PDB file of N, CA and C in Angstrom:
ATOM      1  N   MET A   1      30.179  75.510  70.515  1.00  0.00           N
ATOM      2  CA  MET A   1      29.532  76.735  70.945  1.00  0.00           C
ATOM      3  C   MET A   1      28.017  76.520  70.897  1.00  0.00           C
ATOM      4  N   ASP A   2      27.401  76.223  72.031  1.00  0.00           N
ATOM      5  CA  ASP A   2      25.976  75.930  72.061  1.00  0.00           C
ATOM      6  C   ASP A   2      25.112  77.186  72.112  1.00  0.00           C
ATOM      7  N   LYS A   3      25.592  78.239  72.697  1.00  0.00           N
ATOM      8  CA  LYS A   3      24.848  79.502  72.754  1.00  0.00           C
ATOM      9  C   LYS A   3      25.661  80.560  72.020  1.00  0.00           C
ATOM     10  N   TYR A   4      25.016  81.258  71.098  1.00  0.00           N
ATOM     11  CA  TYR A   4      25.766  82.178  70.239  1.00  0.00           C
ATOM     12  C   TYR A   4      26.343  83.376  70.981  1.00  0.00           C
ATOM     13  N   TRP A   5      25.828  83.723  72.153  1.00  0.00           N
ATOM     14  CA  TRP A   5      26.338  84.885  72.856  1.00  0.00           C
ATOM     15  C   TRP A   5      27.512  84.530  73.773  1.00  0.00           C
ATOM     16  N   ARG A   6      27.913  83.270  73.728  1.00  0.00           N
ATOM     17  CA  ARG A   6      29.070  82.841  74.519  1.00  0.00           C
ATOM     18  C   ARG A   6      30.195  82.413  73.581  1.00  0.00           C
ATOM     19  N   ASN A   7      31.413  82.691  73.979  1.00  0.00           N
ATOM     20  CA  ASN A   7      32.550  82.286  73.162  1.00  0.00           C
ATOM     21  C   ASN A   7      32.918  80.833  73.479  1.00  0.00           C
ATOM     22  N   GLN A   8      34.003  80.352  72.913  1.00  0.00           N
ATOM     23  CA  GLN A   8      34.375  78.951  73.095  1.00  0.00           C
ATOM     24  C   GLN A   8      34.714  78.611  74.544  1.00  0.00           C
ATOM     25  N   GLU A   9      35.170  79.570  75.300  1.00  0.00           N
ATOM     26  CA  GLU A   9      35.494  79.323  76.706  1.00  0.00           C
ATOM     27  C   GLU A   9      34.259  79.399  77.604  1.00  0.00           C
ATOM     28  N   GLY A  10      33.133  79.839  77.045  1.00  0.00           N
ATOM     29  CA  GLY A  10      31.891  79.913  77.814  1.00  0.00           C
ATOM     30  C   GLY A  10      31.581  81.283  78.368  1.00  0.00           C
ATOM     31  N   TYR A  11      32.404  82.272  78.046  1.00  0.00           N
ATOM     32  CA  TYR A  11      32.177  83.628  78.542  1.00  0.00           C
ATOM     33  C   TYR A  11      31.270  84.403  77.585  1.00  0.00           C
ATOM     34  N   TYR A  12      30.508  85.316  78.165  1.00  0.00           N
ATOM     35  CA  TYR A  12      29.611  86.161  77.377  1.00  0.00           C
ATOM     36  C   TYR A  12      30.420  87.023  76.416  1.00  0.00           C
ATOM     37  N   ASP A  13      29.988  87.054  75.152  1.00  0.00           N
ATOM     38  CA  ASP A  13      30.675  87.841  74.118  1.00  0.00           C
ATOM     39  C   ASP A  13      29.662  88.802  73.495  1.00  0.00           C
ATOM     40  N   PRO A  14      29.581  90.047  73.994  1.00  0.00           N
ATOM     41  CA  PRO A  14      28.570  90.986  73.508  1.00  0.00           C
ATOM     42  C   PRO A  14      28.740  91.356  72.041  1.00  0.00           C
ATOM     43  N   THR A  15      29.961  91.399  71.550  1.00  0.00           N
ATOM     44  CA  THR A  15      30.199  91.755  70.155  1.00  0.00           C
ATOM     45  C   THR A  15      29.612  90.687  69.234  1.00  0.00           C
ATOM     46  N   LEU A  16      29.899  89.451  69.537  1.00  0.00           N
ATOM     47  CA  LEU A  16      29.375  88.345  68.744  1.00  0.00           C
ATOM     48  C   LEU A  16      27.847  88.314  68.806  1.00  0.00           C
ATOM     49  N   ALA A  17      27.301  88.524  69.993  1.00  0.00           N
ATOM     50  CA  ALA A  17      25.845  88.519  70.155  1.00  0.00           C
ATOM     51  C   ALA A  17      25.191  89.600  69.301  1.00  0.00           C
ATOM     52  N   LYS A  18      25.771  90.803  69.281  1.00  0.00           N
ATOM     53  CA  LYS A  18      25.209  91.900  68.493  1.00  0.00           C
ATOM     54  C   LYS A  18      25.257  91.598  66.997  1.00  0.00           C
ATOM     55  N   VAL A  19      26.367  91.041  66.548  1.00  0.00           N
ATOM     56  CA  VAL A  19      26.513  90.723  65.122  1.00  0.00           C
ATOM     57  C   VAL A  19      25.487  89.678  64.706  1.00  0.00           C
ATOM     58  N   ILE A  20      25.357  88.639  65.498  1.00  0.00           N
ATOM     59  CA  ILE A  20      24.418  87.563  65.152  1.00  0.00           C
ATOM     60  C   ILE A  20      22.979  88.060  65.222  1.00  0.00           C
ATOM     61  N   GLU A  21      22.641  88.840  66.236  1.00  0.00           N
ATOM     62  CA  GLU A  21      21.283  89.376  66.335  1.00  0.00           C
ATOM     63  C   GLU A  21      20.965  90.299  65.161  1.00  0.00           C
ATOM     64  N   LYS A  22      21.930  91.094  64.737  1.00  0.00           N
ATOM     65  CA  LYS A  22      21.734  91.984  63.588  1.00  0.00           C
ATOM     66  C   LYS A  22      21.487  91.167  62.316  1.00  0.00           C
ATOM     67  N   GLU A  23      22.258  90.099  62.144  1.00  0.00           N
ATOM     68  CA  GLU A  23      22.086  89.227  60.982  1.00  0.00           C
ATOM     69  C   GLU A  23      20.728  88.530  61.015  1.00  0.00           C
ATOM     70  N   ASN A  24      20.339  88.036  62.188  1.00  0.00           N
ATOM     71  CA  ASN A  24      19.027  87.392  62.317  1.00  0.00           C
ATOM     72  C   ASN A  24      17.900  88.370  62.002  1.00  0.00           C
ATOM     73  N   HIS A  25      18.045  89.607  62.458  1.00  0.00           N
ATOM     74  CA  HIS A  25      17.034  90.626  62.182  1.00  0.00           C
ATOM     75  C   HIS A  25      16.929  90.889  60.672  1.00  0.00           C
ATOM     76  N   ALA A  26      18.069  90.957  60.010  1.00  0.00           N
ATOM     77  CA  ALA A  26      18.075  91.199  58.564  1.00  0.00           C
ATOM     78  C   ALA A  26      17.403  90.047  57.827  1.00  0.00           C
ATOM     79  N   LEU A  27      17.676  88.826  58.247  1.00  0.00           N
ATOM     80  CA  LEU A  27      17.044  87.660  57.608  1.00  0.00           C
ATOM     81  C   LEU A  27      15.537  87.652  57.828  1.00  0.00           C
ATOM     82  N   ARG A  28      15.104  87.972  59.059  1.00  0.00           N
ATOM     83  CA  ARG A  28      13.658  88.019  59.346  1.00  0.00           C
ATOM     84  C   ARG A  28      12.979  89.103  58.514  1.00  0.00           C
ATOM     85  N   THR A  29      13.624  90.261  58.392  1.00  0.00           N
ATOM     86  CA  THR A  29      13.069  91.363  57.614  1.00  0.00           C
ATOM     87  C   THR A  29      12.939  90.969  56.147  1.00  0.00           C
ATOM     88  N   GLN A  30      13.952  90.302  55.631  1.00  0.00           N
ATOM     89  CA  GLN A  30      13.922  89.853  54.240  1.00  0.00           C
ATOM     90  C   GLN A  30      12.817  88.820  54.028  1.00  0.00           C
ATOM     91  N   LYS A  31      12.671  87.911  54.970  1.00  0.00           N
ATOM     92  CA  LYS A  31      11.630  86.889  54.866  1.00  0.00           C
ATOM     93  C   LYS A  31      10.237  87.521  54.890  1.00  0.00           C
ATOM     94  N   LEU A  32      10.045  88.500  55.767  1.00  0.00           N
ATOM     95  CA  LEU A  32       8.752  89.179  55.846  1.00  0.00           C
ATOM     96  C   LEU A  32       8.439  89.938  54.558  1.00  0.00           C
ATOM     97  N   ALA A  33       9.447  90.548  53.962  1.00  0.00           N
ATOM     98  CA  ALA A  33       9.245  91.279  52.711  1.00  0.00           C
ATOM     99  C   ALA A  33       8.808  90.324  51.598  1.00  0.00           C
ATOM    100  N   LEU A  34       9.437  89.163  51.532  1.00  0.00           N
ATOM    101  CA  LEU A  34       9.047  88.171  50.521  1.00  0.00           C
ATOM    102  C   LEU A  34       7.635  87.655  50.772  1.00  0.00           C
ATOM    103  N   GLU A  35       7.298  87.466  52.049  1.00  0.00           N
ATOM    104  CA  GLU A  35       5.957  87.011  52.397  1.00  0.00           C
ATOM    105  C   GLU A  35       4.903  88.041  52.006  1.00  0.00           C
ATOM    106  N   ARG A  36       5.183  89.303  52.275  1.00  0.00           N
ATOM    107  CA  ARG A  36       4.239  90.367  51.905  1.00  0.00           C
ATOM    108  C   ARG A  36       4.054  90.436  50.390  1.00  0.00           C
ATOM    109  N   LYS A  37       5.156  90.282  49.661  1.00  0.00           N
ATOM    110  CA  LYS A  37       5.083  90.310  48.201  1.00  0.00           C
ATOM    111  C   LYS A  37       4.199  89.169  47.700  1.00  0.00           C
ATOM    112  N   ARG A  38       4.392  87.978  48.260  1.00  0.00           N
ATOM    113  CA  ARG A  38       3.592  86.824  47.847  1.00  0.00           C
ATOM    114  C   ARG A  38       2.125  87.039  48.212  1.00  0.00           C
ATOM    115  N   ASN A  39       1.853  87.594  49.380  1.00  0.00           N
ATOM    116  CA  ASN A  39       0.473  87.857  49.785  1.00  0.00           C
ATOM    117  C   ASN A  39      -0.209  88.811  48.811  1.00  0.00           C
ATOM    118  N   LYS A  40       0.527  89.823  48.342  1.00  0.00           N
ATOM    119  CA  LYS A  40      -0.031  90.760  47.358  1.00  0.00           C
ATOM    120  C   LYS A  40      -0.340  90.048  46.048  1.00  0.00           C
ATOM    121  N   GLU A  41       0.555  89.145  45.627  1.00  0.00           N
ATOM    122  CA  GLU A  41       0.328  88.392  44.392  1.00  0.00           C
ATOM    123  C   GLU A  41      -0.944  87.547  44.504  1.00  0.00           C
ATOM    124  N   VAL A  42      -1.114  86.892  45.630  1.00  0.00           N
ATOM    125  CA  VAL A  42      -2.297  86.052  45.837  1.00  0.00           C
ATOM    126  C   VAL A  42      -3.552  86.916  45.864  1.00  0.00           C
ATOM    127  N   TYR A  43      -3.490  88.051  46.547  1.00  0.00           N
ATOM    128  CA  TYR A  43      -4.636  88.960  46.616  1.00  0.00           C
ATOM    129  C   TYR A  43      -5.038  89.418  45.212  1.00  0.00           C
ATOM    130  N   LYS A  44      -4.042  89.799  44.398  1.00  0.00           N
ATOM    131  CA  LYS A  44      -4.338  90.231  43.032  1.00  0.00           C
ATOM    132  C   LYS A  44      -4.933  89.094  42.205  1.00  0.00           C
ATOM    133  N   THR A  45      -4.453  87.881  42.413  1.00  0.00           N
ATOM    134  CA  THR A  45      -4.981  86.723  41.688  1.00  0.00           C
ATOM    135  C   THR A  45      -6.443  86.498  42.032  1.00  0.00           C
ATOM    136  N   ILE A  46      -6.782  86.571  43.303  1.00  0.00           N
ATOM    137  CA  ILE A  46      -8.175  86.395  43.721  1.00  0.00           C
ATOM    138  C   ILE A  46      -9.048  87.497  43.130  1.00  0.00           C
ATOM    139  N   LYS A  47      -8.544  88.724  43.121  1.00  0.00           N
ATOM    140  CA  LYS A  47      -9.297  89.837  42.521  1.00  0.00           C
ATOM    141  C   LYS A  47      -9.544  89.587  41.031  1.00  0.00           C
ATOM    142  N   LYS A  48      -8.530  89.069  40.324  1.00  0.00           N
ATOM    143  CA  LYS A  48      -8.690  88.766  38.899  1.00  0.00           C
ATOM    144  C   LYS A  48      -9.741  87.680  38.690  1.00  0.00           C
ATOM    145  N   ILE A  49      -9.716  86.654  39.529  1.00  0.00           N
ATOM    146  CA  ILE A  49     -10.712  85.576  39.421  1.00  0.00           C
ATOM    147  C   ILE A  49     -12.109  86.146  39.611  1.00  0.00           C
ATOM    148  N   LYS A  50     -12.281  86.981  40.610  1.00  0.00           N
ATOM    149  CA  LYS A  50     -13.587  87.596  40.859  1.00  0.00           C
ATOM    150  C   LYS A  50     -14.004  88.492  39.697  1.00  0.00           C
ATOM    151  N   SER A  51     -13.057  89.200  39.117  1.00  0.00           N
ATOM    152  CA  SER A  51     -13.344  90.060  37.979  1.00  0.00           C
ATOM    153  C   SER A  51     -13.802  89.234  36.772  1.00  0.00           C
ATOM    154  N   ILE A  52     -13.128  88.121  36.540  1.00  0.00           N
ATOM    155  CA  ILE A  52     -13.516  87.235  35.426  1.00  0.00           C
ATOM    156  C   ILE A  52     -14.928  86.706  35.641  1.00  0.00           C
ATOM    157  N   LEU A  53     -15.228  86.287  36.857  1.00  0.00           N
ATOM    158  CA  LEU A  53     -16.577  85.798  37.162  1.00  0.00           C
ATOM    159  C   LEU A  53     -17.615  86.886  36.921  1.00  0.00           C
ATOM    160  N   GLU A  54     -17.312  88.092  37.357  1.00  0.00           N
ATOM    161  CA  GLU A  54     -18.245  89.213  37.178  1.00  0.00           C
ATOM    162  C   GLU A  54     -18.480  89.507  35.697  1.00  0.00           C
ATOM    163  N   SER A  55     -17.427  89.433  34.903  1.00  0.00           N
ATOM    164  CA  SER A  55     -17.569  89.708  33.474  1.00  0.00           C
ATOM    165  C   SER A  55     -18.397  88.642  32.760  1.00  0.00           C
ATOM    166  N   LYS A  56     -18.481  87.456  33.335  1.00  0.00           N
ATOM    167  CA  LYS A  56     -19.277  86.362  32.761  1.00  0.00           C
ATOM    168  C   LYS A  56     -20.652  86.245  33.419  1.00  0.00           C
ATOM    169  N   ASP A  57     -21.027  87.271  34.177  1.00  0.00           N
ATOM    170  CA  ASP A  57     -22.300  87.296  34.901  1.00  0.00           C
ATOM    171  C   ASP A  57     -22.456  86.113  35.858  1.00  0.00           C
ATOM    172  N   LEU A  58     -21.378  85.814  36.540  1.00  0.00           N
ATOM    173  CA  LEU A  58     -21.392  84.774  37.560  1.00  0.00           C
ATOM    174  C   LEU A  58     -21.036  85.406  38.892  1.00  0.00           C
ATOM    175  N   GLU A  59     -21.477  84.774  39.964  1.00  0.00           N
ATOM    176  CA  GLU A  59     -21.107  85.281  41.274  1.00  0.00           C
ATOM    177  C   GLU A  59     -20.492  84.174  42.113  1.00  0.00           C
ATOM    178  N   LEU A  60     -19.631  84.557  42.979  1.00  0.00           N
ATOM    179  CA  LEU A  60     -18.948  83.630  43.854  1.00  0.00           C
ATOM    180  C   LEU A  60     -19.836  83.362  45.065  1.00  0.00           C
ATOM    181  N   ILE A  61     -20.106  82.089  45.335  1.00  0.00           N
ATOM    182  CA  ILE A  61     -20.994  81.722  46.432  1.00  0.00           C
ATOM    183  C   ILE A  61     -20.206  81.516  47.731  1.00  0.00           C
ATOM    184  N   GLU A  62     -19.095  80.839  47.641  1.00  0.00           N
ATOM    185  CA  GLU A  62     -18.292  80.574  48.823  1.00  0.00           C
ATOM    186  C   GLU A  62     -16.896  81.170  48.658  1.00  0.00           C
ATOM    187  N   ARG A  63     -16.111  81.080  49.694  1.00  0.00           N
ATOM    188  CA  ARG A  63     -14.757  81.640  49.673  1.00  0.00           C
ATOM    189  C   ARG A  63     -13.852  80.865  48.726  1.00  0.00           C
ATOM    190  N   ILE A  64     -12.891  81.572  48.186  1.00  0.00           N
ATOM    191  CA  ILE A  64     -11.857  80.945  47.366  1.00  0.00           C
ATOM    192  C   ILE A  64     -10.725  80.538  48.307  1.00  0.00           C
ATOM    193  N   THR A  65     -10.282  79.302  48.185  1.00  0.00           N
ATOM    194  CA  THR A  65      -9.148  78.831  48.972  1.00  0.00           C
ATOM    195  C   THR A  65      -8.049  78.407  48.020  1.00  0.00           C
ATOM    196  N   LEU A  66      -6.858  78.978  48.218  1.00  0.00           N
ATOM    197  CA  LEU A  66      -5.704  78.652  47.381  1.00  0.00           C
ATOM    198  C   LEU A  66      -4.584  78.125  48.260  1.00  0.00           C
ATOM    199  N   ARG A  67      -3.767  77.224  47.707  1.00  0.00           N
ATOM    200  CA  ARG A  67      -2.595  76.724  48.430  1.00  0.00           C
ATOM    201  C   ARG A  67      -1.357  77.004  47.596  1.00  0.00           C
ATOM    202  N   ASP A  68      -0.381  77.607  48.217  1.00  0.00           N
ATOM    203  CA  ASP A  68       0.895  77.886  47.568  1.00  0.00           C
ATOM    204  C   ASP A  68       1.666  76.570  47.470  1.00  0.00           C
ATOM    205  N   LYS A  69       2.040  76.189  46.263  1.00  0.00           N
ATOM    206  CA  LYS A  69       2.742  74.926  46.064  1.00  0.00           C
ATOM    207  C   LYS A  69       4.117  74.919  46.716  1.00  0.00           C
ATOM    208  N   ARG A  70       4.759  76.082  46.774  1.00  0.00           N
ATOM    209  CA  ARG A  70       6.103  76.155  47.340  1.00  0.00           C
ATOM    210  C   ARG A  70       6.099  76.084  48.860  1.00  0.00           C
ATOM    211  N   THR A  71       5.218  76.863  49.486  1.00  0.00           N
ATOM    212  CA  THR A  71       5.239  76.968  50.944  1.00  0.00           C
ATOM    213  C   THR A  71       4.153  76.150  51.629  1.00  0.00           C
ATOM    214  N   LYS A  72       3.210  75.647  50.855  1.00  0.00           N
ATOM    215  CA  LYS A  72       2.063  74.881  51.380  1.00  0.00           C
ATOM    216  C   LYS A  72       1.133  75.748  52.235  1.00  0.00           C
ATOM    217  N   LYS A  73       1.301  77.077  52.185  1.00  0.00           N
ATOM    218  CA  LYS A  73       0.450  77.986  52.928  1.00  0.00           C
ATOM    219  C   LYS A  73      -0.896  78.111  52.198  1.00  0.00           C
ATOM    220  N   GLU A  74      -1.971  78.149  52.967  1.00  0.00           N
ATOM    221  CA  GLU A  74      -3.305  78.294  52.396  1.00  0.00           C
ATOM    222  C   GLU A  74      -3.786  79.730  52.542  1.00  0.00           C
ATOM    223  N   TYR A  75      -4.395  80.214  51.474  1.00  0.00           N
ATOM    224  CA  TYR A  75      -4.975  81.566  51.458  1.00  0.00           C
ATOM    225  C   TYR A  75      -6.468  81.420  51.276  1.00  0.00           C
ATOM    226  N   ARG A  76      -7.210  82.210  52.039  1.00  0.00           N
ATOM    227  CA  ARG A  76      -8.670  82.180  51.948  1.00  0.00           C
ATOM    228  C   ARG A  76      -9.200  83.558  51.691  1.00  0.00           C
TER     229      ARG A  76
END
C-alpha cells in the first residue's frame, strides 16, 4: 500500500484516509504542544540568566544563544 488513501486493490478508501488524517493531525498537535512547552522553558531560562546578571550589576552585551541537546534546535 504505497498511498494511504488507497486500499490494497488500488481503490480510493475514504474511511481509511479520514482515520489516518485524524491520527496525523493528533500527532502534529501533540508535537506542537511539546514544542511550545520547551520554548517556554527556554524563555524562562533566558529570563533567569538575565535576572542573575542584573542582580550582580552586569549587563548583557550580545544575544544569548542556546542549543537544545535533545533536538539540536538553537534558541536566540
